[in-house]
C-alpha atoms as a PDB file:
ATOM      1  CA  UNK A   1      55.167 255.594  90.341  1.00  0.00           C
ATOM      2  CA  UNK A   2      56.590 252.183  91.225  1.00  0.00           C
ATOM      3  CA  UNK A   3      55.626 250.677  87.868  1.00  0.00           C
ATOM      4  CA  UNK A   4      57.935 253.120  86.132  1.00  0.00           C
ATOM      5  CA  UNK A   5      60.945 251.535  87.862  1.00  0.00           C
ATOM      6  CA  UNK A   6      62.683 248.645  86.142  1.00  0.00           C
ATOM      7  CA  UNK A   7      62.796 245.721  88.607  1.00  0.00           C
ATOM      8  CA  UNK A   8      66.511 244.896  88.612  1.00  0.00           C
ATOM      9  CA  UNK A   9      69.030 244.161  91.353  1.00  0.00           C
ATOM     10  CA  UNK A  10      70.988 247.228  90.361  1.00  0.00           C
ATOM     11  CA  UNK A  11      67.961 249.521  90.725  1.00  0.00           C
ATOM     12  CA  UNK A  12      67.100 247.903  94.062  1.00  0.00           C
ATOM     13  CA  UNK A  13      70.593 248.623  95.399  1.00  0.00           C
ATOM     14  CA  UNK A  14      70.399 252.205  94.134  1.00  0.00           C
ATOM     15  CA  UNK A  15      67.026 252.733  95.824  1.00  0.00           C
ATOM     16  CA  UNK A  16      68.293 251.233  99.080  1.00  0.00           C
ATOM     17  CA  UNK A  17      71.222 253.673  98.979  1.00  0.00           C
ATOM     18  CA  UNK A  18      68.827 256.571  98.388  1.00  0.00           C
ATOM     19  CA  UNK A  19      66.620 255.421 101.257  1.00  0.00           C
ATOM     20  CA  UNK A  20      69.591 255.265 103.613  1.00  0.00           C
ATOM     21  CA  UNK A  21      70.760 258.712 102.535  1.00  0.00           C
ATOM     22  CA  UNK A  22      67.245 260.190 102.761  1.00  0.00           C
ATOM     23  CA  UNK A  23      66.665 258.713 106.216  1.00  0.00           C
ATOM     24  CA  UNK A  24      69.942 260.178 107.466  1.00  0.00           C
ATOM     25  CA  UNK A  25      69.023 263.521 105.925  1.00  0.00           C
ATOM     26  CA  UNK A  26      65.572 263.358 107.511  1.00  0.00           C
ATOM     27  CA  UNK A  27      67.045 262.670 110.958  1.00  0.00           C
ATOM     28  CA  UNK A  28      69.571 265.480 110.554  1.00  0.00           C
ATOM     29  CA  UNK A  29      66.910 267.960 109.455  1.00  0.00           C
ATOM     30  CA  UNK A  30      64.640 266.941 112.318  1.00  0.00           C
ATOM     31  CA  UNK A  31      67.439 267.614 114.801  1.00  0.00           C
ATOM     32  CA  UNK A  32      68.161 270.941 113.109  1.00  0.00           C
ATOM     33  CA  UNK A  33      64.470 271.879 113.221  1.00  0.00           C
ATOM     34  CA  UNK A  34      64.217 271.034 116.921  1.00  0.00           C
ATOM     35  CA  UNK A  35      67.417 272.953 117.665  1.00  0.00           C
ATOM     36  CA  UNK A  36      66.182 275.973 115.715  1.00  0.00           C
ATOM     37  CA  UNK A  37      62.889 275.927 117.583  1.00  0.00           C
ATOM     38  CA  UNK A  38      64.711 275.903 120.918  1.00  0.00           C
ATOM     39  CA  UNK A  39      66.925 278.795 119.823  1.00  0.00           C
ATOM     40  CA  UNK A  40      63.874 280.627 118.488  1.00  0.00           C
ATOM     41  CA  UNK A  41      62.047 280.263 121.811  1.00  0.00           C
ATOM     42  CA  UNK A  42      65.050 281.755 123.619  1.00  0.00           C
ATOM     43  CA  UNK A  43      65.163 284.676 121.174  1.00  0.00           C
ATOM     44  CA  UNK A  44      61.388 285.078 121.482  1.00  0.00           C
ATOM     45  CA  UNK A  45      61.693 285.424 125.265  1.00  0.00           C
ATOM     46  CA  UNK A  46      64.503 287.931 124.776  1.00  0.00           C
ATOM     47  CA  UNK A  47      62.411 289.842 122.224  1.00  0.00           C
ATOM     48  CA  UNK A  48      59.504 290.047 124.661  1.00  0.00           C
ATOM     49  CA  UNK A  49      61.788 291.377 127.387  1.00  0.00           C
ATOM     50  CA  UNK A  50      63.257 293.951 124.988  1.00  0.00           C
ATOM     51  CA  UNK A  51      59.788 295.050 123.874  1.00  0.00           C
ATOM     52  CA  UNK A  52      58.669 295.525 127.461  1.00  0.00           C
ATOM     53  CA  UNK A  53      61.864 297.426 128.228  1.00  0.00           C
ATOM     54  CA  UNK A  54      61.393 299.578 125.127  1.00  0.00           C
ATOM     55  CA  UNK A  55      57.808 300.399 126.118  1.00  0.00           C
ATOM     56  CA  UNK A  56      58.917 301.374 129.621  1.00  0.00           C
ATOM     57  CA  UNK A  57      61.788 303.524 128.371  1.00  0.00           C
ATOM     58  CA  UNK A  58      59.580 305.154 125.744  1.00  0.00           C
ATOM     59  CA  UNK A  59      57.072 306.163 128.418  1.00  0.00           C
ATOM     60  CA  UNK A  60      59.910 307.428 130.635  1.00  0.00           C
ATOM     61  CA  UNK A  61      61.402 309.413 127.758  1.00  0.00           C
ATOM     62  CA  UNK A  62      58.016 310.919 126.904  1.00  0.00           C
ATOM     63  CA  UNK A  63      57.450 311.987 130.526  1.00  0.00           C
ATOM     64  CA  UNK A  64      60.955 313.445 130.694  1.00  0.00           C
ATOM     65  CA  UNK A  65      60.636 315.463 127.453  1.00  0.00           C
ATOM     66  CA  UNK A  66      57.170 316.694 128.394  1.00  0.00           C
ATOM     67  CA  UNK A  67      58.480 317.819 131.761  1.00  0.00           C
ATOM     68  CA  UNK A  68      61.458 319.552 130.127  1.00  0.00           C
ATOM     69  CA  UNK A  69      59.164 321.369 127.704  1.00  0.00           C
ATOM     70  CA  UNK A  70      56.862 322.400 130.490  1.00  0.00           C
ATOM     71  CA  UNK A  71      59.684 323.671 132.697  1.00  0.00           C
ATOM     72  CA  UNK A  72      62.169 325.012 130.127  1.00  0.00           C
ATOM     73  CA  UNK A  73      60.039 325.653 127.053  1.00  0.00           C
ATOM     74  CA  UNK A  74      60.259 324.256 123.525  1.00  0.00           C
ATOM     75  CA  UNK A  75      62.932 326.750 122.514  1.00  0.00           C
ATOM     76  CA  UNK A  76      65.379 325.580 125.164  1.00  0.00           C
ATOM     77  CA  UNK A  77      64.677 321.921 124.441  1.00  0.00           C
ATOM     78  CA  UNK A  78      65.132 322.386 120.677  1.00  0.00           C
ATOM     79  CA  UNK A  79      68.275 324.425 121.268  1.00  0.00           C
ATOM     80  CA  UNK A  80      69.765 321.667 123.380  1.00  0.00           C
ATOM     81  CA  UNK A  81      68.912 319.085 120.720  1.00  0.00           C
ATOM     82  CA  UNK A  82      70.431 321.229 117.963  1.00  0.00           C
ATOM     83  CA  UNK A  83      73.665 321.574 119.922  1.00  0.00           C
ATOM     84  CA  UNK A  84      74.426 317.876 119.447  1.00  0.00           C
ATOM     85  CA  UNK A  85      77.695 317.483 117.544  1.00  0.00           C
ATOM     86  CA  UNK A  86      78.355 313.749 117.528  1.00  0.00           C
ATOM     87  CA  UNK A  87      75.620 311.449 116.310  1.00  0.00           C
ATOM     88  CA  UNK A  88      75.329 307.769 117.230  1.00  0.00           C
ATOM     89  CA  UNK A  89      77.236 305.334 115.056  1.00  0.00           C
ATOM     90  CA  UNK A  90      75.973 301.868 114.171  1.00  0.00           C
ATOM     91  CA  UNK A  91      77.966 298.992 112.679  1.00  0.00           C
ATOM     92  CA  UNK A  92      76.626 295.587 111.743  1.00  0.00           C
ATOM     93  CA  UNK A  93      78.349 292.245 111.865  1.00  0.00           C
ATOM     94  CA  UNK A  94      76.966 288.737 111.614  1.00  0.00           C
ATOM     95  CA  UNK A  95      76.875 285.645 113.782  1.00  0.00           C
ATOM     96  CA  UNK A  96      75.855 282.072 113.109  1.00  0.00           C
ATOM     97  CA  UNK A  97      73.062 280.367 115.042  1.00  0.00           C
ATOM     98  CA  UNK A  98      72.433 276.746 113.987  1.00  0.00           C
ATOM     99  CA  UNK A  99      73.519 277.576 110.449  1.00  0.00           C
ATOM    100  CA  UNK A 100      71.429 280.773 110.292  1.00  0.00           C
ATOM    101  CA  UNK A 101      73.324 284.002 109.738  1.00  0.00           C
ATOM    102  CA  UNK A 102      71.789 286.760 111.863  1.00  0.00           C
ATOM    103  CA  UNK A 103      72.913 290.372 112.311  1.00  0.00           C
ATOM    104  CA  UNK A 104      74.827 291.592 115.311  1.00  0.00           C
ATOM    105  CA  UNK A 105      74.425 295.350 115.687  1.00  0.00           C
ATOM    106  CA  UNK A 106      77.080 297.330 117.489  1.00  0.00           C
ATOM    107  CA  UNK A 107      76.423 300.945 118.508  1.00  0.00           C
ATOM    108  CA  UNK A 108      78.662 303.686 119.827  1.00  0.00           C
ATOM    109  CA  UNK A 109      78.268 307.294 120.925  1.00  0.00           C
ATOM    110  CA  UNK A 110      74.687 306.663 121.972  1.00  0.00           C
ATOM    111  CA  UNK A 111      75.016 307.493 125.644  1.00  0.00           C
ATOM    112  CA  UNK A 112      76.950 310.700 126.194  1.00  0.00           C
ATOM    113  CA  UNK A 113      78.313 312.734 129.014  1.00  0.00           C
ATOM    114  CA  UNK A 114      77.219 316.338 129.586  1.00  0.00           C
ATOM    115  CA  UNK A 115      80.223 317.634 127.656  1.00  0.00           C
ATOM    116  CA  UNK A 116      79.600 315.291 124.720  1.00  0.00           C
ATOM    117  CA  UNK A 117      75.988 316.434 124.354  1.00  0.00           C
ATOM    118  CA  UNK A 118      77.209 319.840 123.199  1.00  0.00           C
ATOM    119  CA  UNK A 119      74.811 322.126 124.959  1.00  0.00           C
ATOM    120  CA  UNK A 120      76.934 322.533 128.098  1.00  0.00           C
ATOM    121  CA  UNK A 121      75.802 322.968 131.668  1.00  0.00           C
ATOM    122  CA  UNK A 122      75.142 326.693 131.636  1.00  0.00           C
ATOM    123  CA  UNK A 123      71.737 327.646 130.302  1.00  0.00           C
ATOM    124  CA  UNK A 124      70.145 324.229 130.744  1.00  0.00           C
ATOM    125  CA  UNK A 125      68.566 322.409 133.631  1.00  0.00           C
ATOM    126  CA  UNK A 126      68.488 318.910 135.046  1.00  0.00           C
ATOM    127  CA  UNK A 127      65.162 318.386 133.269  1.00  0.00           C
ATOM    128  CA  UNK A 128      66.839 318.575 129.862  1.00  0.00           C
ATOM    129  CA  UNK A 129      69.632 316.271 131.097  1.00  0.00           C
ATOM    130  CA  UNK A 130      67.058 313.741 132.255  1.00  0.00           C
ATOM    131  CA  UNK A 131      65.225 313.912 128.923  1.00  0.00           C
ATOM    132  CA  UNK A 132      68.479 313.470 126.971  1.00  0.00           C
ATOM    133  CA  UNK A 133      69.509 310.513 129.112  1.00  0.00           C
ATOM    134  CA  UNK A 134      66.065 308.903 128.784  1.00  0.00           C
ATOM    135  CA  UNK A 135      66.138 309.144 124.979  1.00  0.00           C
ATOM    136  CA  UNK A 136      69.687 307.806 124.845  1.00  0.00           C
ATOM    137  CA  UNK A 137      68.587 304.746 126.816  1.00  0.00           C
ATOM    138  CA  UNK A 138      65.540 304.405 124.566  1.00  0.00           C
ATOM    139  CA  UNK A 139      67.738 304.499 121.467  1.00  0.00           C
ATOM    140  CA  UNK A 140      69.973 301.764 122.869  1.00  0.00           C
ATOM    141  CA  UNK A 141      66.920 299.613 123.461  1.00  0.00           C
ATOM    142  CA  UNK A 142      65.603 300.274 119.948  1.00  0.00           C
ATOM    143  CA  UNK A 143      68.929 299.168 118.464  1.00  0.00           C
ATOM    144  CA  UNK A 144      68.857 295.990 120.550  1.00  0.00           C
ATOM    145  CA  UNK A 145      65.234 295.390 119.553  1.00  0.00           C
ATOM    146  CA  UNK A 146      66.166 295.727 115.874  1.00  0.00           C
ATOM    147  CA  UNK A 147      68.872 293.081 116.294  1.00  0.00           C
ATOM    148  CA  UNK A 148      66.615 290.670 118.187  1.00  0.00           C
ATOM    149  CA  UNK A 149      63.591 291.148 115.912  1.00  0.00           C
ATOM    150  CA  UNK A 150      65.674 290.599 112.771  1.00  0.00           C
ATOM    151  CA  UNK A 151      67.260 287.466 114.238  1.00  0.00           C
ATOM    152  CA  UNK A 152      63.822 286.193 115.223  1.00  0.00           C
ATOM    153  CA  UNK A 153      62.434 286.686 111.701  1.00  0.00           C
ATOM    154  CA  UNK A 154      65.425 284.954 110.108  1.00  0.00           C
ATOM    155  CA  UNK A 155      65.163 282.048 112.542  1.00  0.00           C
ATOM    156  CA  UNK A 156      61.438 281.708 111.864  1.00  0.00           C
ATOM    157  CA  UNK A 157      62.054 281.671 108.102  1.00  0.00           C
ATOM    158  CA  UNK A 158      64.708 278.972 108.489  1.00  0.00           C
ATOM    159  CA  UNK A 159      62.406 276.916 110.732  1.00  0.00           C
ATOM    160  CA  UNK A 160      59.654 277.001 108.120  1.00  0.00           C
ATOM    161  CA  UNK A 161      62.117 276.043 105.366  1.00  0.00           C
ATOM    162  CA  UNK A 162      63.469 273.157 107.434  1.00  0.00           C
ATOM    163  CA  UNK A 163      59.934 271.988 108.261  1.00  0.00           C
ATOM    164  CA  UNK A 164      59.051 271.902 104.557  1.00  0.00           C
ATOM    165  CA  UNK A 165      62.174 269.832 103.823  1.00  0.00           C
ATOM    166  CA  UNK A 166      61.396 267.400 106.635  1.00  0.00           C
ATOM    167  CA  UNK A 167      57.802 267.022 105.440  1.00  0.00           C
ATOM    168  CA  UNK A 168      58.920 266.558 101.830  1.00  0.00           C
ATOM    169  CA  UNK A 169      61.215 263.720 102.880  1.00  0.00           C
ATOM    170  CA  UNK A 170      58.771 262.176 105.341  1.00  0.00           C
ATOM    171  CA  UNK A 171      55.555 262.359 103.324  1.00  0.00           C
ATOM    172  CA  UNK A 172      56.707 262.409  99.690  1.00  0.00           C
ATOM    173  CA  UNK A 173      60.195 261.155  98.872  1.00  0.00           C
ATOM    174  CA  UNK A 174      60.602 258.362 101.434  1.00  0.00           C
ATOM    175  CA  UNK A 175      57.129 256.844 100.826  1.00  0.00           C
ATOM    176  CA  UNK A 176      57.879 256.786  97.086  1.00  0.00           C
ATOM    177  CA  UNK A 177      61.238 255.121  97.690  1.00  0.00           C
ATOM    178  CA  UNK A 178      59.675 252.555 100.032  1.00  0.00           C
ATOM    179  CA  UNK A 179      57.004 251.838  97.443  1.00  0.00           C
ATOM    180  CA  UNK A 180      59.609 251.383  94.695  1.00  0.00           C
ATOM    181  CA  UNK A 181      61.693 249.166  96.954  1.00  0.00           C
ATOM    182  CA  UNK A 182      58.709 246.957  97.775  1.00  0.00           C
ATOM    183  CA  UNK A 183      57.669 246.777  94.117  1.00  0.00           C
ATOM    184  CA  UNK A 184      61.143 245.703  92.949  1.00  0.00           C
ATOM    185  CA  UNK A 185      61.494 243.168  95.764  1.00  0.00           C
ATOM    186  CA  UNK A 186      58.119 241.639  94.868  1.00  0.00           C
ATOM    187  CA  UNK A 187      59.014 241.480  91.186  1.00  0.00           C
ATOM    188  CA  UNK A 188      62.400 239.936  91.912  1.00  0.00           C
ATOM    189  CA  UNK A 189      60.765 237.349  94.163  1.00  0.00           C
ATOM    190  CA  UNK A 190      58.287 236.549  91.405  1.00  0.00           C
ATOM    191  CA  UNK A 191      61.107 236.190  88.915  1.00  0.00           C
ATOM    192  CA  UNK A 192      63.000 233.962  91.339  1.00  0.00           C
ATOM    193  CA  UNK A 193      59.953 231.742  91.894  1.00  0.00           C
ATOM    194  CA  UNK A 194      59.384 231.526  88.146  1.00  0.00           C
ATOM    195  CA  UNK A 195      63.042 230.625  87.613  1.00  0.00           C
ATOM    196  CA  UNK A 196      62.884 227.932  90.299  1.00  0.00           C
ATOM    197  CA  UNK A 197      59.701 226.528  88.778  1.00  0.00           C
ATOM    198  CA  UNK A 198      61.303 226.549  85.303  1.00  0.00           C
ATOM    199  CA  UNK A 199      64.425 224.831  86.583  1.00  0.00           C
ATOM    200  CA  UNK A 200      62.312 222.169  88.308  1.00  0.00           C
ATOM    201  CA  UNK A 201      60.436 221.537  85.077  1.00  0.00           C
ATOM    202  CA  UNK A 202      63.689 221.263  83.139  1.00  0.00           C
ATOM    203  CA  UNK A 203      65.093 218.889  85.759  1.00  0.00           C
ATOM    204  CA  UNK A 204      61.934 216.776  85.748  1.00  0.00           C
ATOM    205  CA  UNK A 205      61.927 216.601  81.959  1.00  0.00           C
ATOM    206  CA  UNK A 206      65.587 215.673  81.915  1.00  0.00           C
ATOM    207  CA  UNK A 207      65.037 212.953  84.506  1.00  0.00           C
ATOM    208  CA  UNK A 208      62.077 211.709  82.510  1.00  0.00           C
ATOM    209  CA  UNK A 209      64.144 211.591  79.331  1.00  0.00           C
ATOM    210  CA  UNK A 210      66.975 209.802  81.150  1.00  0.00           C
ATOM    211  CA  UNK A 211      64.528 207.310  82.640  1.00  0.00           C
ATOM    212  CA  UNK A 212      62.998 206.662  79.237  1.00  0.00           C
ATOM    213  CA  UNK A 213      66.464 206.265  77.733  1.00  0.00           C
ATOM    214  CA  UNK A 214      67.434 203.743  80.407  1.00  0.00           C
ATOM    215  CA  UNK A 215      64.207 201.828  79.912  1.00  0.00           C
ATOM    216  CA  UNK A 216      64.772 201.753  76.181  1.00  0.00           C
ATOM    217  CA  UNK A 217      68.343 200.588  76.652  1.00  0.00           C
ATOM    218  CA  UNK A 218      67.250 197.823  79.002  1.00  0.00           C
ATOM    219  CA  UNK A 219      64.567 196.743  76.557  1.00  0.00           C
ATOM    220  CA  UNK A 220      67.059 196.590  73.694  1.00  0.00           C
ATOM    221  CA  UNK A 221      69.426 194.567  75.871  1.00  0.00           C
ATOM    222  CA  UNK A 222      66.704 192.064  76.663  1.00  0.00           C
ATOM    223  CA  UNK A 223      65.789 191.791  72.986  1.00  0.00           C
ATOM    224  CA  UNK A 224      69.413 191.108  72.078  1.00  0.00           C
ATOM    225  CA  UNK A 225      69.655 188.345  74.672  1.00  0.00           C
ATOM    226  CA  UNK A 226      66.467 186.741  73.378  1.00  0.00           C
ATOM    227  CA  UNK A 227      67.764 186.695  69.808  1.00  0.00           C
ATOM    228  CA  UNK A 228      71.082 184.958  70.604  1.00  0.00           C
ATOM    229  CA  UNK A 229      71.116 181.285  69.083  1.00  0.00           C
ATOM    230  CA  UNK A 230      71.000 178.416  71.535  1.00  0.00           C
ATOM    231  CA  UNK A 231      73.763 175.795  70.868  1.00  0.00           C
ATOM    232  CA  UNK A 232      73.119 172.056  71.718  1.00  0.00           C
ATOM    233  CA  UNK A 233      75.658 170.191  73.798  1.00  0.00           C
ATOM    234  CA  UNK A 234      77.294 167.101  72.098  1.00  0.00           C
END
């Protein structure tokens, strides 16, 4: 509360410094919030595209595996899957977006050639190749979706945190500082007016005393002149 602040010049200067710093911080956080929102909207559009792509590739992969099972049988499909020797590898790094650290997922050995799939050409059909290729593409999309979704969640968390900081400055800290500043300024003005009034009273009293002293001195001088003896001329 403003009444808890001692109304001194030193405190007023300190509050003015805090106001300046808080206003700069508020402006900076507002810019950061707006920048984060713009970045978030871009990532949101990308996430929607990835989701749609993932849905399409999932449906394609399901059609391909169902066709392979229908044409080749579950045994052949499972045998081809079991022949896989090299599994996909995933590494994660990080990148910075507006001060937010988000993951960057790198994948390798997801899409494979016929030789790399392990089951060979003999004993399998194009249906199994199509199913394998469809699931490899689906896996790539899932990895990309994981990266985008994680980045989107981190960005959203940072946006909410920045919003809370902006609101705290705008609706709590700065109003309190403005109130304290106004209170101290009013008190200092009151003190200044009181000091001016006191000085005027002192000056008036001094002038009154000086005037009385002069009057008294003049009166004494007149009395002295009246008491001087008058000498007769010969």
